[in-house]
Amino acid sequence: MSQREDVLLLRDMLEHARLVRDAAKDRSRSDLDRDRVFRAACERFVEIVGEAASNVSVAFRESNEDIPWHKIRRHTQYPRPRLSSNRSRYPVGHRRN
């Protein structure tokens, strides 16, 4: 991976971290719990930060060991939704139309 690609990934990380910060401004934890769209947007922004961190070159990560890369990257690993007992393709609690 080139240095240019690392720079683009870092910019992407910064942009999406700022999007989370801006979206959460003047919002509370209860907003996150109640507002599914807000929560989904924040989760996606954080996931993008983690995905970008996972794609930064090993050489760059090794030369910047003060950054907790493993903590950033783990945000890409969300648990899969549980399936209901009838093993349908819909997660538990999903309402079909």
Protein backbone atom coordinates (compact mmCIF):
# COMPACT_ATOMS: atom_id res chain seq x y z
CA MET A 1 0.00 0.00 0.00
CA SER A 2 1.25 3.43 -0.85
CA GLN A 3 1.66 6.38 1.46
CA ARG A 4 -0.98 8.17 -0.60
CA GLU A 5 -3.50 5.40 0.13
CA ASP A 6 -2.72 5.62 3.84
CA VAL A 7 -3.33 9.36 3.76
CA LEU A 8 -6.70 8.84 2.04
CA LEU A 9 -7.70 6.25 4.64
CA LEU A 10 -6.67 8.54 7.48
CA ARG A 11 -8.70 11.39 5.98
CA ASP A 12 -11.69 9.05 5.72
CA MET A 13 -11.26 8.08 9.37
CA LEU A 14 -11.10 11.71 10.44
CA GLU A 15 -14.10 12.71 8.32
CA HIS A 16 -16.32 9.97 9.75
CA ALA A 17 -15.14 10.56 13.32
CA ARG A 18 -16.16 14.19 12.86
CA LEU A 19 -19.54 13.10 11.49
CA VAL A 20 -20.17 11.11 14.66
CA ARG A 21 -19.06 14.03 16.81
CA ASP A 22 -21.30 16.45 14.93
CA ALA A 23 -24.30 14.10 14.93
CA ALA A 24 -23.95 13.53 18.68
CA LYS A 25 -23.63 17.20 19.53
CA ASP A 26 -26.47 18.26 21.82
CA ARG A 27 -27.80 14.67 21.88
CA SER A 28 -28.08 12.40 24.89
CA ARG A 29 -27.61 8.68 25.46
CA SER A 30 -31.39 8.33 25.56
CA ASP A 31 -31.52 9.83 22.05
CA LEU A 32 -29.18 7.08 20.93
CA ASP A 33 -31.40 4.45 22.56
CA ARG A 34 -34.68 5.84 21.17
CA ASP A 35 -33.77 7.08 17.70
CA ARG A 36 -32.99 4.10 15.46
CA VAL A 37 -31.91 6.24 12.52
CA PHE A 38 -29.53 8.30 14.66
CA ARG A 39 -28.10 5.13 16.21
CA ALA A 40 -27.71 3.41 12.82
CA ALA A 41 -25.94 6.46 11.38
CA CYS A 42 -23.52 6.67 14.29
CA GLU A 43 -22.84 2.93 14.16
CA ARG A 44 -22.14 3.13 10.44
CA PHE A 45 -19.80 6.10 10.81
CA VAL A 46 -17.86 4.28 13.55
CA GLU A 47 -17.79 1.13 11.44
CA ILE A 48 -16.28 3.09 8.53
CA VAL A 49 -13.58 4.43 10.84
CA GLY A 50 -12.77 0.86 11.88
CA GLU A 51 -12.76 -0.44 8.32
CA ALA A 52 -10.42 2.32 7.21
CA ALA A 53 -8.12 1.62 10.18
CA SER A 54 -8.02 -2.05 9.17
CA ASN A 55 -6.83 -1.08 5.71
CA VAL A 56 -4.04 1.26 6.78
CA SER A 57 -0.73 -0.37 5.87
CA VAL A 58 1.12 -2.44 8.44
CA ALA A 59 4.18 -0.24 7.93
CA PHE A 60 2.20 2.88 8.85
CA ARG A 61 0.60 1.20 11.89
CA GLU A 62 4.00 -0.03 13.08
CA SER A 63 5.52 3.43 12.69
CA ASN A 64 2.61 4.89 14.71
CA GLU A 65 2.35 2.43 17.57
CA ASP A 66 1.07 5.12 19.93
CA ILE A 67 -2.29 4.91 18.14
CA PRO A 68 -4.48 2.08 19.56
CA TRP A 69 -5.16 0.47 16.17
CA HIS A 70 -6.63 -2.73 17.63
CA LYS A 71 -9.23 -0.73 19.57
CA ILE A 72 -10.20 1.25 16.48
CA ARG A 73 -10.36 -1.79 14.21
CA ARG A 74 -12.53 -3.85 16.54
CA HIS A 75 -15.45 -1.51 15.83
CA THR A 76 -15.88 -3.25 12.49
CA GLN A 77 -16.79 -6.49 14.26
CA TYR A 78 -20.46 -6.23 15.13
CA PRO A 79 -22.28 -9.36 16.28
CA ARG A 80 -24.61 -10.85 13.72
CA PRO A 81 -28.33 -10.65 14.49
CA ARG A 82 -29.76 -13.71 16.23
CA LEU A 83 -32.17 -15.79 14.22
CA SER A 84 -35.52 -16.81 15.65
CA SER A 85 -36.13 -20.40 16.71
CA ASN A 86 -37.71 -21.30 13.36
CA ARG A 87 -34.36 -20.40 11.76
CA SER A 88 -35.99 -17.97 9.37
CA ARG A 89 -33.90 -15.37 7.63
CA TYR A 90 -35.38 -12.63 9.82
CA PRO A 91 -33.72 -11.54 13.08
CA VAL A 92 -35.65 -11.88 16.31
CA GLY A 93 -38.16 -9.05 16.63
CA HIS A 94 -38.18 -8.27 12.89
CA ARG A 95 -41.64 -7.53 11.51
CA ARG A 96 -42.40 -8.71 8.04
CA ASN A 97 -44.80 -6.60 5.98
